[in-house]
Structures are given as C-alpha cells and as structure tokens.
N, C-alpha and C. Protein backbone atom coordinates (compact mmCIF):
# COMPACT_ATOMS: atom_id res chain seq x y z
N UNK A 1 0.93 -1.30 0.05
CA UNK A 1 0.07 -0.16 -0.03
C UNK A 1 0.81 1.74 0.50
N UNK A 2 2.05 1.37 0.75
CA UNK A 2 3.09 2.22 0.88
C UNK A 2 3.22 2.77 -0.60
N UNK A 3 3.51 1.92 -1.69
CA UNK A 3 3.94 1.91 -2.65
C UNK A 3 2.84 2.56 -3.78
N UNK A 4 1.75 2.22 -3.57
CA UNK A 4 0.64 3.31 -4.25
C UNK A 4 0.34 4.30 -3.93
N UNK A 5 0.99 4.78 -2.44
CA UNK A 5 0.32 6.14 -2.30
C UNK A 5 1.97 6.84 -2.47
N UNK A 6 3.03 6.06 -2.67
CA UNK A 6 3.96 7.06 -3.48
C UNK A 6 3.46 7.23 -4.61
N UNK A 7 3.81 6.32 -5.14
CA UNK A 7 3.22 6.52 -6.98
C UNK A 7 1.86 7.61 -7.05
N UNK A 8 1.15 7.81 -6.15
CA UNK A 8 -0.14 8.79 -6.23
C UNK A 8 0.49 10.20 -5.77
N UNK A 9 1.31 10.01 -4.74
CA UNK A 9 2.06 11.38 -4.51
C UNK A 9 2.80 11.67 -5.79
N UNK A 10 3.25 11.05 -6.48
CA UNK A 10 4.35 11.05 -7.93
C UNK A 10 2.91 11.90 -9.06
N UNK A 11 2.04 11.08 -9.26
CA UNK A 11 0.81 11.34 -9.95
C UNK A 11 0.27 12.73 -9.77
N UNK A 12 -0.17 12.43 -8.80
CA UNK A 12 -0.82 14.53 -8.19
C UNK A 12 -0.62 16.11 -8.41
N UNK A 13 -1.26 16.30 -9.26
CA UNK A 13 -0.87 17.72 -9.99
C UNK A 13 -1.53 18.45 -9.64
N UNK A 14 -2.71 18.37 -8.92
CA UNK A 14 -3.65 19.47 -8.16
C UNK A 14 -3.64 19.39 -6.53
N UNK A 15 -4.41 20.27 -6.11
CA UNK A 15 -4.48 20.56 -4.70
C UNK A 15 -5.26 19.38 -4.00
N UNK A 16 -6.04 18.73 -4.48
CA UNK A 16 -6.94 17.66 -4.18
C UNK A 16 -5.80 15.84 -4.16
N UNK A 17 -5.73 15.32 -2.98
CA UNK A 17 -5.56 14.23 -2.75
C UNK A 17 -6.06 13.51 -3.86
N UNK A 18 -5.31 12.81 -3.90
CA UNK A 18 -5.59 11.46 -4.77
C UNK A 18 -5.48 10.20 -3.90
N UNK A 19 -7.44 9.58 -4.28
CA UNK A 19 -7.74 8.65 -3.89
C UNK A 19 -6.86 7.05 -3.73
N UNK A 20 -6.40 6.22 -3.07
CA UNK A 20 -5.84 5.44 -3.22
C UNK A 20 -6.06 4.04 -3.88
N UNK A 21 -7.48 3.87 -4.00
CA UNK A 21 -8.02 3.14 -5.30
C UNK A 21 -8.29 3.31 -6.53
N UNK A 22 -8.71 4.87 -7.17
CA UNK A 22 -7.81 5.29 -8.04
C UNK A 22 -6.46 4.81 -8.63
N UNK A 23 -5.84 5.12 -7.68
CA UNK A 23 -3.94 4.49 -8.10
C UNK A 23 -4.27 3.40 -8.67
N UNK A 24 -4.77 2.22 -7.33
CA UNK A 24 -4.47 0.93 -7.10
C UNK A 24 -5.14 1.23 -9.50
N UNK A 25 -6.44 1.65 -9.96
CA UNK A 25 -6.93 1.34 -11.03
C UNK A 25 -5.79 1.58 -12.24
N UNK A 26 -5.65 3.23 -11.99
CA UNK A 26 -4.12 3.47 -12.62
C UNK A 26 -3.08 2.72 -13.10
N UNK A 27 -3.01 1.61 -11.93
CA UNK A 27 -1.54 1.27 -12.01
C UNK A 27 -2.06 -0.48 -12.84
N UNK A 28 -3.36 -0.93 -12.53
CA UNK A 28 -3.75 -2.05 -13.09
C UNK A 28 -4.20 -2.22 -14.76
N UNK A 29 -4.34 -0.52 -15.08
CA UNK A 29 -4.42 -0.18 -16.51
C UNK A 29 -2.90 -0.41 -17.16
N UNK A 30 -2.46 0.40 -16.70
CA UNK A 30 -0.97 0.09 -17.01
C UNK A 30 -0.22 -0.99 -17.53
N UNK A 31 -0.77 -1.75 -16.10
CA UNK A 31 0.34 -3.27 -16.29
C UNK A 31 -0.78 -3.76 -17.14
N UNK A 32 -2.19 -3.69 -17.07
CA UNK A 32 -2.68 -4.86 -18.56
C UNK A 32 -2.16 -4.48 -19.83
N UNK A 33 -2.09 -3.05 -20.18
CA UNK A 33 -1.45 -2.44 -21.54
C UNK A 33 -0.16 -2.92 -21.69
N UNK A 34 0.37 -3.00 -20.59
CA UNK A 34 2.42 -3.33 -20.58
C UNK A 34 2.20 -4.67 -21.42
N UNK A 35 1.36 -5.43 -20.69
CA UNK A 35 1.26 -6.90 -20.32
C UNK A 35 1.26 -7.49 -22.08
N UNK A 36 0.23 -6.93 -22.59
CA UNK A 36 -0.95 -7.59 -24.18
C UNK A 36 0.14 -6.72 -24.79
N UNK A 37 1.28 -5.48 -25.01
CA UNK A 37 2.00 -4.89 -25.31
C UNK A 37 3.10 -6.10 -25.75
N UNK A 38 3.43 -6.79 -24.66
CA UNK A 38 4.52 -7.74 -24.70
C UNK A 38 4.14 -8.87 -25.06
N UNK A 39 2.90 -9.41 -25.09
CA UNK A 39 2.31 -10.77 -25.63
C UNK A 39 2.44 -10.37 -27.23
N UNK A 40 1.91 -9.12 -27.47
CA UNK A 40 1.85 -9.09 -29.32
C UNK A 40 3.25 -9.14 -29.70
N UNK A 41 4.32 -8.70 -28.88
CA UNK A 41 5.94 -8.74 -29.40
C UNK A 41 5.74 -10.23 -30.05
N UNK A 42 5.24 -11.38 -29.68
CA UNK A 42 5.60 -12.36 -29.93
C UNK A 42 5.09 -12.12 -31.50
N UNK A 43 4.86 -11.35 -32.35
CA UNK A 43 4.28 -11.48 -33.93
C UNK A 43 5.25 -11.33 -34.77
N UNK A 44 6.56 -11.03 -33.49
CA UNK A 44 7.96 -11.03 -34.46
C UNK A 44 8.46 -12.40 -34.95
N UNK A 45 7.79 -13.35 -34.16
CA UNK A 45 8.01 -14.36 -34.78
C UNK A 45 8.27 -15.10 -35.97
N UNK A 46 7.66 -14.37 -36.72
CA UNK A 46 6.77 -14.07 -38.50
C UNK A 46 8.60 -13.83 -39.18
N UNK A 47 9.73 -13.65 -38.43
CA UNK A 47 10.56 -13.11 -39.05
C UNK A 47 11.47 -15.10 -39.80
N UNK A 48 11.03 -15.48 -38.98
CA UNK A 48 11.79 -16.45 -39.50
C UNK A 48 11.04 -17.44 -40.84
N UNK A 49 9.96 -16.56 -41.21
CA UNK A 49 9.08 -17.22 -42.41
C UNK A 49 9.12 -16.30 -43.51
N UNK A 50 9.91 -15.28 -43.43
CA UNK A 50 9.98 -14.29 -44.74
C UNK A 50 10.55 -14.95 -45.90
N UNK A 51 12.08 -15.28 -45.38
CA UNK A 51 12.67 -15.84 -46.25
C UNK A 51 12.17 -17.02 -46.92
N UNK A 52 10.75 -17.72 -46.36
CA UNK A 52 10.24 -18.78 -47.25
C UNK A 52 9.26 -18.41 -48.07
N UNK A 53 8.54 -17.52 -47.83
CA UNK A 53 7.61 -16.60 -48.80
C UNK A 53 7.29 -16.74 -50.04
N UNK A 54 6.44 -17.94 -50.47
CA UNK A 54 6.65 -18.15 -51.65
C UNK A 54 7.26 -19.42 -52.06
N UNK A 55 8.09 -20.33 -51.36
CA UNK A 55 9.30 -20.88 -51.55
C UNK A 55 8.29 -22.13 -52.19
N UNK A 56 8.53 -23.59 -52.64
CA UNK A 56 8.28 -24.83 -52.85
C UNK A 56 8.64 -25.81 -52.00
N UNK A 57 9.02 -25.82 -50.98
CA UNK A 57 9.26 -26.47 -50.02
C UNK A 57 8.08 -26.73 -48.87
N UNK A 58 7.87 -28.08 -48.27
CA UNK A 58 6.54 -28.57 -47.17
C UNK A 58 6.54 -27.23 -46.25
N UNK A 59 5.77 -26.63 -46.68
CA UNK A 59 5.48 -25.82 -45.23
C UNK A 59 5.55 -24.30 -45.41
N UNK A 60 5.80 -24.09 -46.77
CA UNK A 60 6.74 -22.70 -47.03
C UNK A 60 4.91 -21.64 -47.26
N UNK A 61 4.96 -20.46 -46.58
CA UNK A 61 3.94 -19.90 -46.90
C UNK A 61 3.83 -19.71 -48.71
N UNK A 62 2.70 -18.91 -48.71
CA UNK A 62 2.33 -18.63 -50.31
C UNK A 62 2.77 -17.41 -50.44
N UNK A 63 3.33 -17.03 -51.88
CA UNK A 63 4.05 -15.96 -51.90
C UNK A 63 2.86 -14.05 -51.17
N UNK A 64 2.25 -14.69 -51.56
CA UNK A 64 0.87 -13.22 -51.00
C UNK A 64 1.09 -13.20 -49.54
N UNK A 65 1.78 -13.92 -48.52
CA UNK A 65 1.31 -13.84 -47.78
C UNK A 65 2.85 -13.24 -46.91
N UNK A 66 3.63 -12.36 -48.08
CA UNK A 66 4.86 -12.13 -47.63
C UNK A 66 4.48 -10.43 -46.47
N UNK A 67 3.53 -9.84 -47.44
CA UNK A 67 3.53 -9.07 -46.47
C UNK A 67 2.93 -8.78 -45.58
N UNK A 68 1.19 -9.38 -45.33
CA UNK A 68 1.67 -9.81 -43.85
C UNK A 68 2.51 -10.38 -42.54
N UNK A 69 3.20 -11.07 -43.28
CA UNK A 69 4.33 -12.18 -42.62
C UNK A 69 5.40 -10.39 -41.73
N UNK A 70 5.69 -9.40 -43.41
CA UNK A 70 6.36 -8.61 -42.93
C UNK A 70 5.58 -7.74 -41.83
N UNK A 71 4.51 -7.02 -41.60
CA UNK A 71 3.52 -6.59 -41.09
C UNK A 71 3.61 -6.84 -39.77
N UNK A 72 3.76 -8.32 -39.68
CA UNK A 72 3.52 -8.59 -38.77
C UNK A 72 5.00 -8.65 -38.42
N UNK A 73 6.02 -8.86 -38.82
CA UNK A 73 7.06 -8.47 -37.96
C UNK A 73 7.47 -7.12 -38.02
N UNK A 74 7.66 -6.71 -38.56
CA UNK A 74 7.30 -4.76 -38.26
C UNK A 74 6.87 -4.81 -36.61
N UNK A 75 5.49 -4.93 -36.72
CA UNK A 75 4.49 -4.57 -35.35
C UNK A 75 5.52 -5.52 -34.21
N UNK A 76 5.90 -6.46 -34.26
CA UNK A 76 6.23 -7.34 -33.02
C UNK A 76 7.38 -6.62 -32.76
N UNK A 77 8.63 -6.30 -33.59
CA UNK A 77 9.93 -5.38 -33.09
C UNK A 77 9.60 -4.37 -32.86
N UNK A 78 8.54 -3.24 -32.97
CA UNK A 78 8.30 -2.34 -33.11
C UNK A 78 7.45 -2.06 -31.65
N UNK A 79 7.05 -3.54 -30.91
CA UNK A 79 6.12 -3.34 -29.57
C UNK A 79 7.15 -3.33 -28.83
N UNK A 80 8.26 -3.62 -28.59
CA UNK A 80 9.37 -3.73 -27.71
C UNK A 80 9.56 -1.77 -27.48
N UNK A 81 9.60 -1.49 -28.03
CA UNK A 81 9.19 0.08 -28.14
C UNK A 81 8.23 0.58 -28.01
N UNK A 82 7.29 0.45 -28.38
CA UNK A 82 5.83 0.61 -27.80
C UNK A 82 6.38 0.13 -26.35
N UNK A 83 6.71 -0.60 -25.97
CA UNK A 83 6.05 -1.41 -24.54
C UNK A 83 7.24 -0.53 -23.13
N UNK A 84 8.23 -0.20 -24.09
CA UNK A 84 9.08 0.97 -23.03
C UNK A 84 8.47 2.11 -22.96
N UNK A 85 7.60 2.91 -23.91
CA UNK A 85 7.71 4.15 -23.74
C UNK A 85 6.25 3.90 -22.86
N UNK A 86 5.72 2.89 -22.88
CA UNK A 86 4.60 2.69 -21.91
C UNK A 86 5.26 2.63 -20.50
N UNK A 87 6.02 2.02 -20.74
CA UNK A 87 6.65 1.96 -19.13
C UNK A 87 7.55 3.54 -18.59
N UNK A 88 7.83 3.99 -19.25
CA UNK A 88 9.01 4.79 -19.06
C UNK A 88 8.56 6.08 -19.47
N UNK A 89 7.67 6.52 -19.84
CA UNK A 89 7.37 8.03 -20.95
C UNK A 89 6.35 8.07 -21.09
N UNK A 90 5.97 10.03 -20.45
CA UNK A 90 4.59 10.03 -20.96
C UNK A 90 4.77 11.07 -21.65
N UNK A 91 3.50 11.96 -22.12
CA UNK A 91 3.49 12.96 -23.26
C UNK A 91 2.36 12.46 -24.14
N UNK A 92 1.57 14.03 -24.92
CA UNK A 92 1.24 13.63 -26.24
C UNK A 92 1.29 12.43 -26.77
N UNK A 93 2.92 12.77 -27.54
CA UNK A 93 3.31 11.75 -28.50
C UNK A 93 3.84 10.63 -28.03
N UNK A 94 3.74 9.86 -27.13
CA UNK A 94 3.60 8.65 -26.54
C UNK A 94 2.45 8.31 -26.47
N UNK A 95 1.24 8.77 -26.01
CA UNK A 95 -0.54 8.11 -26.25
C UNK A 95 -0.42 8.06 -27.64
N UNK A 96 -0.16 9.29 -28.88
CA UNK A 96 -0.41 8.87 -29.85
C UNK A 96 0.07 7.68 -30.80
N UNK A 97 1.42 7.49 -29.86
CA UNK A 97 2.30 6.40 -31.04
C UNK A 97 1.75 5.59 -30.58
N UNK A 98 1.23 5.11 -28.91
CA UNK A 98 0.25 3.61 -28.40
C UNK A 98 -0.66 3.76 -29.52
N UNK A 99 -2.01 4.69 -29.50
CA UNK A 99 -2.64 4.70 -30.58
C UNK A 99 -2.67 4.23 -32.09
N UNK A 100 -1.53 4.95 -31.98
CA UNK A 100 -0.98 4.41 -34.11
C UNK A 100 -1.36 3.00 -34.36
N UNK A 101 0.29 2.91 -32.87
CA UNK A 101 0.51 1.56 -33.39
C UNK A 101 -0.33 0.16 -33.01
N UNK A 102 -1.36 0.52 -32.56
CA UNK A 102 -2.18 -0.27 -31.86
C UNK A 102 -3.31 -0.54 -33.43
N UNK A 103 -3.49 0.67 -34.21
CA UNK A 103 -4.45 0.40 -35.21
C UNK A 103 -3.96 0.25 -36.46
N UNK A 104 -2.67 0.77 -36.88
CA UNK A 104 -1.96 -0.56 -37.65
C UNK A 104 -1.91 -1.89 -37.09
N UNK A 105 -1.57 -2.50 -36.47
CA UNK A 105 -1.58 -3.51 -35.87
C UNK A 105 -2.87 -4.12 -36.01
N UNK A 106 -4.03 -3.87 -35.33
CA UNK A 106 -5.37 -4.53 -35.85
C UNK A 106 -5.77 -4.69 -37.19
N UNK A 107 -5.41 -3.68 -37.91
CA UNK A 107 -5.76 -3.92 -39.27
C UNK A 107 -4.79 -4.74 -39.88
N UNK A 108 -3.05 -4.61 -39.59
CA UNK A 108 -2.45 -5.92 -40.27
C UNK A 108 -3.03 -7.01 -39.41
N UNK A 109 -3.68 -7.26 -38.66
CA UNK A 109 -4.23 -8.80 -38.25
C UNK A 109 -5.40 -8.97 -39.20
N UNK A 110 -6.43 -8.19 -39.22
CA UNK A 110 -7.43 -8.46 -40.24
C UNK A 110 -6.96 -8.74 -41.47
N UNK A 111 -5.92 -7.76 -41.88
CA UNK A 111 -5.78 -8.05 -43.20
C UNK A 111 -5.30 -9.34 -43.82
N UNK A 112 -4.68 -10.07 -42.43
CA UNK A 112 -3.89 -11.10 -42.79
C UNK A 112 -4.83 -12.47 -42.48
N UNK A 113 -6.33 -11.87 -41.70
CA UNK A 113 -7.17 -12.88 -42.33
C UNK A 113 -7.98 -12.67 -43.38
N UNK A 114 -7.73 -11.87 -44.39
CA UNK A 114 -8.56 -11.63 -45.82
C UNK A 114 -7.41 -12.54 -46.36
N UNK A 115 -6.44 -12.64 -45.89
CA UNK A 115 -5.23 -13.31 -47.07
C UNK A 115 -5.55 -15.25 -46.57
N UNK A 116 -5.63 -14.91 -45.47
CA UNK A 116 -6.25 -16.37 -45.05
C UNK A 116 -7.26 -17.17 -46.06
N UNK A 117 -8.59 -16.29 -46.25
CA UNK A 117 -9.54 -16.79 -46.66
C UNK A 117 -8.90 -17.05 -48.23
N UNK A 118 -8.05 -16.14 -49.09
CA UNK A 118 -8.27 -16.07 -50.02
C UNK A 118 -6.93 -17.11 -51.00
N UNK A 119 -6.28 -17.40 -49.94
CA UNK A 119 -4.87 -18.17 -50.44
C UNK A 119 -4.38 -18.52 -48.76
N UNK A 120 -5.36 -19.64 -48.39
CA UNK A 120 -4.95 -20.38 -47.61
C UNK A 120 -3.72 -21.18 -47.02
N UNK A 121 -2.47 -20.75 -45.89
CA UNK A 121 -0.85 -21.40 -45.73
C UNK A 121 -1.69 -22.69 -44.83
N UNK A 122 -2.00 -23.54 -44.40
CA UNK A 122 -2.35 -25.05 -43.99
C UNK A 122 -1.57 -25.72 -42.88
N UNK A 123 -0.39 -24.99 -43.85
CA UNK A 123 1.01 -25.73 -42.71
C UNK A 123 1.32 -24.84 -41.57
N UNK A 124 0.94 -23.64 -41.62
CA UNK A 124 1.47 -22.86 -40.47
C UNK A 124 1.16 -23.42 -39.05
N UNK A 125 1.87 -23.69 -37.88
CA UNK A 125 1.34 -23.95 -36.61
C UNK A 125 0.70 -23.51 -36.02
N UNK A 126 0.47 -22.28 -35.72
CA UNK A 126 -0.35 -21.32 -35.40
C UNK A 126 -1.77 -21.76 -35.68
N UNK A 127 -1.87 -21.82 -37.44
CA UNK A 127 -3.26 -21.66 -37.83
C UNK A 127 -3.53 -23.22 -37.17
N UNK A 128 -2.84 -24.54 -37.33
CA UNK A 128 -3.06 -25.54 -36.68
C UNK A 128 -3.78 -25.58 -35.47
N UNK A 129 -3.22 -24.75 -34.37
CA UNK A 129 -3.11 -24.48 -33.39
C UNK A 129 -4.41 -24.26 -33.00
N UNK A 130 -4.74 -22.84 -33.07
CA UNK A 130 -5.93 -22.13 -32.81
C UNK A 130 -6.78 -21.50 -34.02
N UNK A 131 -6.38 -22.07 -35.36
CA UNK A 131 -7.32 -21.76 -36.18
C UNK A 131 -7.51 -20.63 -36.99
N UNK A 132 -8.07 -19.68 -37.49
CA UNK A 132 -8.11 -18.71 -38.08
C UNK A 132 -8.48 -17.33 -36.80
N UNK A 133 -9.11 -17.85 -35.89
CA UNK A 133 -9.45 -17.17 -34.34
C UNK A 133 -8.31 -16.28 -33.97
N UNK A 134 -6.93 -16.81 -34.21
CA UNK A 134 -6.00 -16.24 -33.77
C UNK A 134 -6.25 -14.56 -34.33
N UNK A 135 -6.39 -14.49 -35.87
CA UNK A 135 -6.49 -13.43 -36.46
C UNK A 135 -7.22 -12.05 -35.33
N UNK A 136 -8.38 -12.77 -35.04
CA UNK A 136 -8.91 -11.74 -34.28
C UNK A 136 -8.74 -11.33 -33.05
N UNK A 137 -8.20 -12.55 -32.15
CA UNK A 137 -7.89 -12.67 -30.90
C UNK A 137 -6.73 -11.31 -30.96
N UNK A 138 -6.08 -11.70 -31.87
CA UNK A 138 -4.55 -10.75 -32.00
C UNK A 138 -5.48 -8.99 -32.12
N UNK A 139 -6.28 -8.75 -32.98
CA UNK A 139 -6.76 -7.56 -33.07
C UNK A 139 -7.51 -7.38 -32.18
N UNK A 140 -8.07 -8.09 -30.90
CA UNK A 140 -9.11 -8.20 -30.33
C UNK A 140 -7.96 -7.58 -29.10
N UNK A 141 -6.88 -8.12 -28.92
CA UNK A 141 -5.95 -7.17 -27.53
C UNK A 141 -5.53 -5.83 -27.81
N UNK A 142 -5.17 -5.69 -29.41
CA UNK A 142 -4.88 -4.34 -29.75
C UNK A 142 -5.91 -3.48 -29.23
N UNK A 143 -7.42 -3.91 -29.78
CA UNK A 143 -8.51 -2.57 -29.21
C UNK A 143 -8.73 -2.81 -27.97
N UNK A 144 -8.74 -3.80 -27.51
CA UNK A 144 -8.19 -3.73 -25.73
C UNK A 144 -7.51 -2.71 -24.95
N UNK A 145 -6.26 -2.47 -25.55
CA UNK A 145 -4.94 -1.60 -25.21
C UNK A 145 -5.86 -0.12 -25.94
N UNK A 146 -6.48 -0.03 -27.44
CA UNK A 146 -7.03 1.34 -27.53
C UNK A 146 -7.88 1.38 -26.54
N UNK A 147 -8.40 0.94 -25.99
CA UNK A 147 -9.52 1.32 -25.25
C UNK A 147 -9.00 1.68 -23.91
N UNK A 148 -8.50 0.81 -23.44
CA UNK A 148 -7.90 1.17 -22.06
C UNK A 148 -7.05 2.63 -21.67
N UNK A 149 -5.98 2.55 -22.92
CA UNK A 149 -5.15 4.11 -22.71
C UNK A 149 -6.39 5.23 -23.42
N UNK A 150 -7.81 5.22 -24.23
CA UNK A 150 -8.45 6.13 -24.33
C UNK A 150 -9.76 6.33 -23.46
N UNK A 151 -9.14 5.97 -22.34
CA UNK A 151 -10.00 6.19 -20.76
C UNK A 151 -9.41 7.67 -20.51
N UNK A 152 -10.53 8.37 -20.09
CA UNK A 152 -10.47 9.67 -19.61
C UNK A 152 -8.74 9.87 -18.73
N UNK A 153 -8.69 8.69 -17.70
CA UNK A 153 -8.47 8.89 -16.74
C UNK A 153 -6.30 8.13 -17.03
N UNK A 154 -6.87 7.61 -18.06
CA UNK A 154 -5.19 7.42 -18.72
C UNK A 154 -4.83 8.10 -19.46
N UNK A 155 -6.09 9.03 -20.82
CA UNK A 155 -5.40 10.02 -21.42
C UNK A 155 -4.73 11.09 -20.41
N UNK A 156 -5.17 11.53 -19.51
CA UNK A 156 -4.70 12.24 -18.49
C UNK A 156 -3.48 11.86 -17.61
N UNK A 157 -2.88 10.32 -17.94
CA UNK A 157 -1.82 10.18 -17.37
C UNK A 157 -0.90 10.92 -18.21
N UNK A 158 -1.11 10.41 -19.98
CA UNK A 158 -0.17 10.28 -20.90
C UNK A 158 0.22 12.05 -21.38
N UNK A 159 -0.76 13.25 -20.97
CA UNK A 159 -1.41 14.13 -21.56
C UNK A 159 -0.54 15.49 -20.70
C-alpha cells in the first residue's frame, strides 16, 4: 500500500488528494496495457518465415503471405519500443504512438485473415493450433489496449 501511496504522490498534479483505489486502477490499467503489448511482440516470430515466402518446400507460405509476414515482424519488433514507452515515458506523442501502433496492428491482423481466406497457408503451426480465431484474438488484444489508453484517466496520465 505504501508503494501505491508513493505512486499517487508522484501522479498528483493538483491540490486535491488522490484516492488510493483510483491509483490502484491506474496501475492495473498500465500493467494490462504493458502485458498485452509484450504478448503482441510475439508477432515478430514471423521473421522466421519471411525468407521462405513463395518457396516450394513443405510448409512454405504462399507468396501472398509476404506482406502480412512483414507487417507482423514490424509490429512485433516495434512492440518492444511501445512497451518501453508505456513503462517509462509520458506525453501526447507517447499516447499517439500507442494508439497509432495498435490501430495499424489491428488492420494488419485483420488483413492477414483476409489473406488466409483467399490464399490459405494450411501448414502454419499457429493456424493448426488456434485456427483463424488467432487473427481476431490479436485484433481484439490491440483494441483492448486502444480502449484502455483512451479512457479519461489514462489520457490524463499521458497528457
């Protein structure tokens, strides 16, 4: 509880004292955003498949998968930067970067679903485990982050 109160003193910007329960909510939202962002960094695993796109070997992705694979790689790697920003920085530019990163990543996940419906990649192990729901799960995780950082108390923290 002492850590929460110390954090509340750090956040206080006005003469009114902050409620400790309110501070706990702020901390939990930030942790959820950070955890989801770090989980979504796993999208960088597609780096292992980029060179094989369009190949003729067993399990190679069709060539049309090159763009979604590149998008996932960029989203996954840049997610580390976003996680750092969530953890250490504040300001309007940080909030904007978080929103834009998640919006682009949501579009990328849903566009990969469209590619899957038009040019399936049946040998991809993630599709074997989760099916096409993995695209919607990734998009939902990004939308949850957008929702959390768009709430009034979180916007105030970044602004």
